[in-house]
Amino acid sequence: MVFRRLLTAFGVGGPSVDTVLRSPHTRPGEFLEGTVELVGGESEVLIEEISVCLASAVEVEAGDTEGVSRVEFARFPVTGAFPLGPGQRHSIPFRYPVPWQAPITAAGGGPLPGARVGLRTDVAIAHAVDKGDLDPVLIHPLPVQDRILDAFARLGFVLKHMDLEQGHLVGTAQQFPFFQEIEFHPSPRYAHEINEVEVSFVADPEGVDVIIEFDKRGGLFTEGADIYGRFRASHADVDRVDWVAQVDSWVAQSLSQHRSLFGGYGHGHPGHYPPPGYGHPEHHSGGGGLGGVAMGVIGGMAAGYVAGEIMDAIGEVFEDDDDD
């Protein structure tokens, strides 16, 4: 995939840059590979520095207002200073690891609505930096994330929405100032008790912390509440665990813990087994693989869209942010 643009910060007749990705598809812990290709303009310039960065559109709250901000979460140097003559061509390869905690933005070979990550190429000339547009990067789930999300789908939870939210999940080794929420409608088994389920991942080289949050329904004499559970899944167990049974157990444990503390009864499994590391994340917002989940998105939220239109929508969000 080729992303081409003129370095508009340096006026007419300035150099141009192409960012060529070997593939826009990747996943956390793997590499993003490509080349930055420069073509000199009408006169010689000194390229001071070139870097590429990954950024995402994050929902932020300020008082009673909400908005979307572009947040850079990884930056990699491509090259230092060198002269670029008129019409001269210069190609610089890069190969950088995708952070383990990068958001999931794709499944089933295409993008997921509500999840956006882009690559930007910054070129510094004469103490001025030309910051390029964000070009979509499709980050697929890790195998263990894939199994967990597929298990939710097999248990009857229906994908509702994905977004990135500003904040920190307590008790995790979260690296970035935001986290991803993957929201599901409850399965029929739990629909009487909870409004929605939100799943977040905090990954590392050994495994993934899985944060499960429930927006609990209020009763006749009780108010609704948020319920949290935190669990651990190892990459090594991806093909050793019955993930449908495991996720079902996590959901039941979290609800059982809430009932034991605050009372109430539902149709979940009985018992009072608190989930490992049970606690409240520091925010207050409301193997078939993930391909099956993706089909739920395409069939529900994204009805009428094709992959190209979704990519256009992603680009428009990033462009709107650039105009701010």
Protein backbone atom coordinates (compact mmCIF):
# COMPACT_ATOMS: atom_id res chain seq x y z
CA MET A 1 0.00 0.00 0.00
CA VAL A 2 1.38 3.41 -1.02
CA PHE A 3 0.56 6.71 0.71
CA ARG A 4 1.80 9.64 -1.39
CA ARG A 5 1.79 13.36 -0.68
CA LEU A 6 3.67 16.58 -1.30
CA LEU A 7 5.40 18.16 1.66
CA THR A 8 3.01 21.11 1.67
CA ALA A 9 4.65 22.72 4.68
CA PHE A 10 7.59 23.59 2.44
CA GLY A 11 5.69 25.26 -0.40
CA VAL A 12 5.34 24.69 -4.13
CA GLY A 13 8.37 23.02 -5.63
CA GLY A 14 9.30 21.26 -2.41
CA PRO A 15 10.09 17.56 -2.04
CA SER A 16 7.45 14.82 -1.98
CA VAL A 17 7.22 11.68 0.13
CA ASP A 18 5.67 8.25 -0.39
CA THR A 19 5.12 5.89 2.55
CA VAL A 20 4.97 2.34 1.21
CA LEU A 21 3.77 -0.35 3.60
CA ARG A 22 4.62 -3.94 2.85
CA SER A 23 1.13 -4.69 4.18
CA PRO A 24 -1.34 -2.59 6.21
CA HIS A 25 -2.36 -5.77 8.08
CA THR A 26 -0.55 -6.59 11.31
CA ARG A 27 -1.20 -7.51 14.95
CA PRO A 28 0.27 -6.60 18.35
CA GLY A 29 3.81 -7.90 18.83
CA GLU A 30 4.39 -8.26 15.09
CA PHE A 31 6.18 -5.82 12.81
CA LEU A 32 5.05 -2.98 10.60
CA GLU A 33 7.37 -2.85 7.60
CA GLY A 34 7.75 -0.46 4.73
CA THR A 35 9.82 2.28 3.13
CA VAL A 36 9.76 6.05 3.09
CA GLU A 37 10.53 7.24 -0.45
CA LEU A 38 11.53 10.86 -1.00
CA VAL A 39 11.79 12.78 -4.27
CA GLY A 40 13.68 16.06 -4.26
CA GLY A 41 11.99 19.29 -5.31
CA GLU A 42 13.33 22.22 -7.30
CA SER A 43 16.24 22.94 -4.98
CA GLU A 44 18.46 21.06 -2.56
CA VAL A 45 17.21 20.75 1.02
CA LEU A 46 18.63 19.28 4.20
CA ILE A 47 16.36 16.57 5.56
CA GLU A 48 16.90 16.88 9.31
CA GLU A 49 14.84 13.93 10.49
CA ILE A 50 12.16 11.49 9.35
CA SER A 51 9.98 9.52 11.74
CA VAL A 52 6.80 7.48 11.58
CA CYS A 53 4.20 7.26 14.31
CA LEU A 54 1.03 5.36 15.17
CA ALA A 55 -1.94 7.36 16.40
CA SER A 56 -5.58 6.72 17.18
CA ALA A 57 -8.84 8.61 17.60
CA VAL A 58 -9.68 8.60 21.34
CA GLU A 59 -12.89 9.70 23.03
CA VAL A 60 -12.16 12.33 25.69
CA GLU A 61 -14.35 14.00 28.29
CA ALA A 62 -13.92 17.54 29.61
CA GLY A 63 -16.57 18.40 32.15
CA ASP A 64 -19.95 17.82 30.55
CA THR A 65 -18.61 17.77 27.01
CA GLU A 66 -17.27 14.86 25.00
CA GLY A 67 -15.10 14.85 21.92
CA VAL A 68 -12.57 12.91 19.90
CA SER A 69 -8.85 13.64 20.01
CA ARG A 70 -6.00 12.15 18.00
CA VAL A 71 -3.49 10.54 20.36
CA GLU A 72 -0.03 9.40 19.26
CA PHE A 73 0.99 6.22 21.07
CA ALA A 74 4.16 5.03 19.29
CA ARG A 75 6.90 6.90 17.42
CA PHE A 76 9.87 5.43 15.56
CA PRO A 77 12.86 7.24 14.02
CA VAL A 78 13.46 6.39 10.36
CA THR A 79 16.59 8.43 9.62
CA GLY A 80 18.67 11.36 10.74
CA ALA A 81 19.99 14.26 8.67
CA PHE A 82 20.99 14.00 4.99
CA PRO A 83 20.89 16.34 1.94
CA LEU A 84 18.28 15.77 -0.78
CA GLY A 85 19.17 17.25 -4.16
CA PRO A 86 16.78 18.50 -6.87
CA GLY A 87 14.85 15.55 -8.30
CA GLN A 88 16.94 13.11 -6.26
CA ARG A 89 15.23 9.91 -5.12
CA HIS A 90 15.95 8.44 -1.71
CA SER A 91 14.38 5.27 -0.25
CA ILE A 92 14.65 4.45 3.47
CA PRO A 93 13.33 1.12 4.82
CA PHE A 94 11.78 0.77 8.27
CA ARG A 95 10.69 -2.17 10.41
CA TYR A 96 9.18 -1.53 13.82
CA PRO A 97 7.25 -3.64 16.34
CA VAL A 98 3.57 -2.95 16.85
CA PRO A 99 3.02 -2.33 20.60
CA TRP A 100 1.44 -5.21 22.48
CA GLN A 101 -1.34 -2.92 23.69
CA ALA A 102 -2.20 -1.48 20.28
CA PRO A 103 -5.99 -1.36 19.74
CA ILE A 104 -7.74 -3.98 17.62
CA THR A 105 -9.02 -2.33 14.46
CA ALA A 106 -9.70 -5.21 12.04
CA ALA A 107 -11.23 -8.66 11.78
CA GLY A 108 -12.17 -11.02 9.00
CA GLY A 109 -9.80 -9.25 6.60
CA GLY A 110 -11.34 -5.79 6.92
CA PRO A 111 -11.67 -2.81 9.28
CA LEU A 112 -14.03 -2.65 12.26
CA PRO A 113 -16.18 0.48 12.64
CA GLY A 114 -15.39 2.56 15.70
CA ALA A 115 -11.76 1.40 15.92
CA ARG A 116 -9.20 3.57 14.17
CA VAL A 117 -5.38 3.53 14.09
CA GLY A 118 -3.25 5.27 11.48
CA LEU A 119 0.38 5.62 10.46
CA ARG A 120 1.80 9.12 9.97
CA THR A 121 5.13 10.11 8.42
CA ASP A 122 6.76 13.28 9.78
CA VAL A 123 9.55 14.98 7.81
CA ALA A 124 11.63 17.79 9.35
CA ILE A 125 13.34 20.30 7.04
CA ALA A 126 14.86 23.62 8.13
CA HIS A 127 13.40 23.36 11.64
CA ALA A 128 9.87 22.90 10.24
CA VAL A 129 8.00 19.60 10.51
CA ASP A 130 5.53 18.46 7.86
CA LYS A 131 3.08 16.20 9.66
CA GLY A 132 1.32 13.95 7.21
CA ASP A 133 -2.17 12.50 7.22
CA LEU A 134 -2.96 9.35 9.16
CA ASP A 135 -3.11 6.40 6.80
CA PRO A 136 -5.19 3.45 8.12
CA VAL A 137 -3.38 0.47 9.65
CA LEU A 138 -5.40 -2.71 10.24
CA ILE A 139 -4.43 -4.29 13.55
CA HIS A 140 -5.87 -7.79 13.96
CA PRO A 141 -6.38 -9.45 17.36
CA LEU A 142 -3.84 -11.69 19.01
CA PRO A 143 -4.86 -15.37 18.85
CA VAL A 144 -5.93 -15.43 22.51
CA GLN A 145 -7.94 -12.22 22.07
CA ASP A 146 -9.54 -13.76 19.01
CA ARG A 147 -10.60 -16.86 20.98
CA ILE A 148 -12.03 -14.80 23.85
CA LEU A 149 -14.08 -12.51 21.62
CA ASP A 150 -15.30 -15.45 19.58
CA ALA A 151 -16.37 -17.13 22.83
CA PHE A 152 -18.52 -14.13 23.73
CA ALA A 153 -20.20 -14.39 20.33
CA ARG A 154 -20.78 -18.14 20.72
CA LEU A 155 -22.35 -17.52 24.13
CA GLY A 156 -24.90 -15.21 22.53
CA PHE A 157 -23.36 -11.80 23.23
CA VAL A 158 -23.79 -9.53 20.19
CA LEU A 159 -21.15 -6.97 19.27
CA LYS A 160 -22.52 -3.46 19.75
CA HIS A 161 -19.66 -0.98 19.40
CA MET A 162 -15.92 -0.41 19.74
CA ASP A 163 -14.15 2.73 20.86
CA LEU A 164 -11.04 4.05 22.57
CA GLU A 165 -11.50 5.93 25.83
CA GLN A 166 -9.18 8.16 27.80
CA GLY A 167 -8.31 6.74 31.21
CA HIS A 168 -6.49 3.95 33.04
CA LEU A 169 -7.57 0.46 34.09
CA VAL A 170 -6.53 0.00 37.72
CA GLY A 171 -4.42 -3.04 38.54
CA THR A 172 -3.07 -3.47 35.02
CA ALA A 173 0.25 -2.60 33.39
CA GLN A 174 -1.49 -0.29 30.92
CA GLN A 175 1.08 1.74 28.95
CA PHE A 176 -1.03 4.26 27.05
CA PRO A 177 -3.35 7.03 28.32
CA PHE A 178 -6.32 5.27 26.75
CA PHE A 179 -7.89 1.82 26.56
CA GLN A 180 -10.17 0.05 24.12
CA GLU A 181 -13.72 -0.92 25.03
CA ILE A 182 -15.42 -3.65 23.02
CA GLU A 183 -19.11 -3.46 23.83
CA PHE A 184 -21.60 -6.32 23.56
CA HIS A 185 -25.34 -6.58 23.98
CA PRO A 186 -26.00 -9.19 26.70
CA SER A 187 -26.86 -12.76 25.82
CA PRO A 188 -30.48 -13.82 26.45
CA ARG A 189 -29.32 -15.64 29.56
CA TYR A 190 -28.23 -12.40 31.23
CA ALA A 191 -30.45 -9.83 29.49
CA HIS A 192 -32.73 -9.56 32.54
CA GLU A 193 -29.79 -8.56 34.72
CA ILE A 194 -27.34 -6.49 32.65
CA ASN A 195 -27.65 -3.85 29.93
CA GLU A 196 -24.32 -4.41 28.21
CA VAL A 197 -20.90 -6.02 28.57
CA GLU A 198 -17.67 -4.13 27.89
CA VAL A 199 -14.42 -6.03 27.35
CA SER A 200 -10.94 -4.49 27.47
CA PHE A 201 -7.54 -6.10 26.93
CA VAL A 202 -4.13 -5.17 28.34
CA ALA A 203 -1.61 -7.36 26.54
CA ASP A 204 2.06 -8.13 27.11
CA PRO A 205 4.52 -10.73 25.71
CA GLU A 206 3.27 -13.43 28.12
CA GLY A 207 -0.47 -12.95 27.97
CA VAL A 208 -3.45 -10.65 28.30
CA ASP A 209 -5.32 -9.10 31.21
CA VAL A 210 -9.03 -9.28 30.42
CA ILE A 211 -11.24 -6.62 32.00
CA ILE A 212 -14.96 -7.35 31.92
CA GLU A 213 -17.41 -4.61 32.87
CA PHE A 214 -21.17 -4.97 33.12
CA ASP A 215 -23.66 -2.13 33.11
CA LYS A 216 -26.14 -3.70 35.51
CA ARG A 217 -29.86 -3.11 35.23
CA GLY A 218 -31.61 -1.37 38.11
CA GLY A 219 -34.51 -3.06 39.85
CA LEU A 220 -37.70 -1.69 41.36
CA PHE A 221 -35.91 -0.63 44.55
CA THR A 222 -32.30 -0.52 43.39
CA GLU A 223 -30.25 1.63 41.07
CA GLY A 224 -28.16 0.26 38.22
CA ALA A 225 -24.46 -0.24 38.84
CA ASP A 226 -21.23 -1.15 37.11
CA ILE A 227 -19.65 -4.54 37.83
CA TYR A 228 -16.02 -5.34 37.08
CA GLY A 229 -13.97 -8.50 36.78
CA ARG A 230 -10.30 -8.88 35.92
CA PHE A 231 -8.82 -12.12 34.62
CA ARG A 232 -5.61 -13.38 33.04
CA ALA A 233 -5.16 -15.36 29.82
CA SER A 234 -1.83 -16.75 28.62
CA HIS A 235 -0.72 -16.78 24.99
CA ALA A 236 0.54 -20.32 25.61
CA ASP A 237 -2.99 -21.50 26.45
CA VAL A 238 -4.58 -20.37 23.21
CA ASP A 239 -5.10 -23.95 21.97
CA ARG A 240 -5.31 -25.61 25.39
CA VAL A 241 -8.39 -23.96 26.89
CA ASP A 242 -12.09 -24.33 26.16
CA TRP A 243 -12.60 -20.59 25.78
CA VAL A 244 -16.39 -20.76 25.63
CA ALA A 245 -16.45 -22.46 29.03
CA GLN A 246 -13.75 -20.13 30.35
CA VAL A 247 -15.53 -16.92 29.32
CA ASP A 248 -18.85 -18.26 30.61
CA SER A 249 -17.15 -18.90 33.95
CA TRP A 250 -15.67 -15.38 34.01
CA VAL A 251 -19.08 -13.80 33.43
CA ALA A 252 -20.73 -15.96 36.08
CA GLN A 253 -17.97 -15.30 38.62
CA SER A 254 -18.17 -11.55 38.16
CA LEU A 255 -21.94 -11.48 38.60
CA SER A 256 -21.76 -13.89 41.54
CA GLN A 257 -19.20 -11.67 43.25
CA HIS A 258 -21.51 -8.69 42.86
CA ARG A 259 -24.47 -10.62 44.28
CA SER A 260 -22.45 -11.79 47.29
CA LEU A 261 -21.46 -8.21 48.08
CA PHE A 262 -24.67 -6.36 47.26
CA GLY A 263 -27.40 -8.99 47.16
CA GLY A 264 -29.62 -9.91 44.24
CA TYR A 265 -30.15 -13.07 42.27
CA GLY A 266 -30.12 -13.97 38.62
CA HIS A 267 -29.82 -16.97 36.35
CA GLY A 268 -26.03 -17.06 36.38
CA HIS A 269 -24.07 -19.89 37.94
CA PRO A 270 -24.36 -19.97 41.75
CA GLY A 271 -21.32 -19.67 43.96
CA HIS A 272 -19.15 -16.96 45.46
CA TYR A 273 -15.80 -17.20 43.75
CA PRO A 274 -14.28 -13.73 43.35
CA PRO A 275 -12.36 -13.30 40.10
CA PRO A 276 -8.59 -12.87 40.36
CA GLY A 277 -7.65 -9.26 40.94
CA TYR A 278 -11.29 -8.14 41.08
CA GLY A 279 -11.41 -4.34 41.18
CA HIS A 280 -12.76 -1.18 39.62
CA PRO A 281 -11.06 0.29 36.58
CA GLU A 282 -10.32 3.99 36.97
CA HIS A 283 -13.06 5.29 34.68
CA HIS A 284 -16.78 5.84 34.75
CA SER A 285 -17.94 5.31 31.20
CA GLY A 286 -21.10 3.97 30.80
CA GLY A 287 -11.92 -21.28 16.99
CA GLY A 288 -14.06 -19.44 14.54
CA GLY A 289 -12.10 -16.37 15.53
CA LEU A 290 -13.18 -12.75 15.49
CA GLY A 291 -14.39 -13.18 11.93
CA GLY A 292 -17.74 -14.26 13.37
CA VAL A 293 -17.84 -11.17 15.55
CA ALA A 294 -16.93 -9.07 12.52
CA MET A 295 -19.88 -10.47 10.61
CA GLY A 296 -22.09 -9.28 13.45
CA VAL A 297 -20.69 -5.80 13.00
CA ILE A 298 -21.13 -5.84 9.24
CA GLY A 299 -24.65 -7.20 9.56
CA GLY A 300 -25.69 -4.80 12.32
CA MET A 301 -23.80 -1.57 12.89
CA ALA A 302 -22.27 -1.42 9.45
CA ALA A 303 -25.23 -2.44 7.32
CA GLY A 304 -24.96 -0.87 3.90
CA TYR A 305 -21.22 -0.31 4.16
CA VAL A 306 -18.55 -2.02 2.16
CA ALA A 307 -14.96 -2.22 3.32
CA GLY A 308 -13.88 0.67 1.10
CA GLU A 309 -16.60 2.94 2.51
CA ILE A 310 -15.54 2.09 6.05
CA MET A 311 -11.96 3.00 5.15
CA ASP A 312 -13.22 6.31 3.74
CA ALA A 313 -15.07 6.99 6.98
CA ILE A 314 -11.90 6.30 8.95
CA GLY A 315 -9.97 8.71 6.78
CA GLU A 316 -12.60 11.42 7.22
CA VAL A 317 -12.34 11.24 11.01
CA PHE A 318 -8.59 11.66 10.85
CA GLU A 319 -8.87 14.49 8.32
CA ASP A 320 -11.45 16.30 10.43
CA ASP A 321 -9.08 16.07 13.37
CA ASP A 322 -6.26 17.56 11.29
CA ASP A 323 -8.46 20.56 10.49
CA ASP A 324 -9.04 21.36 14.16
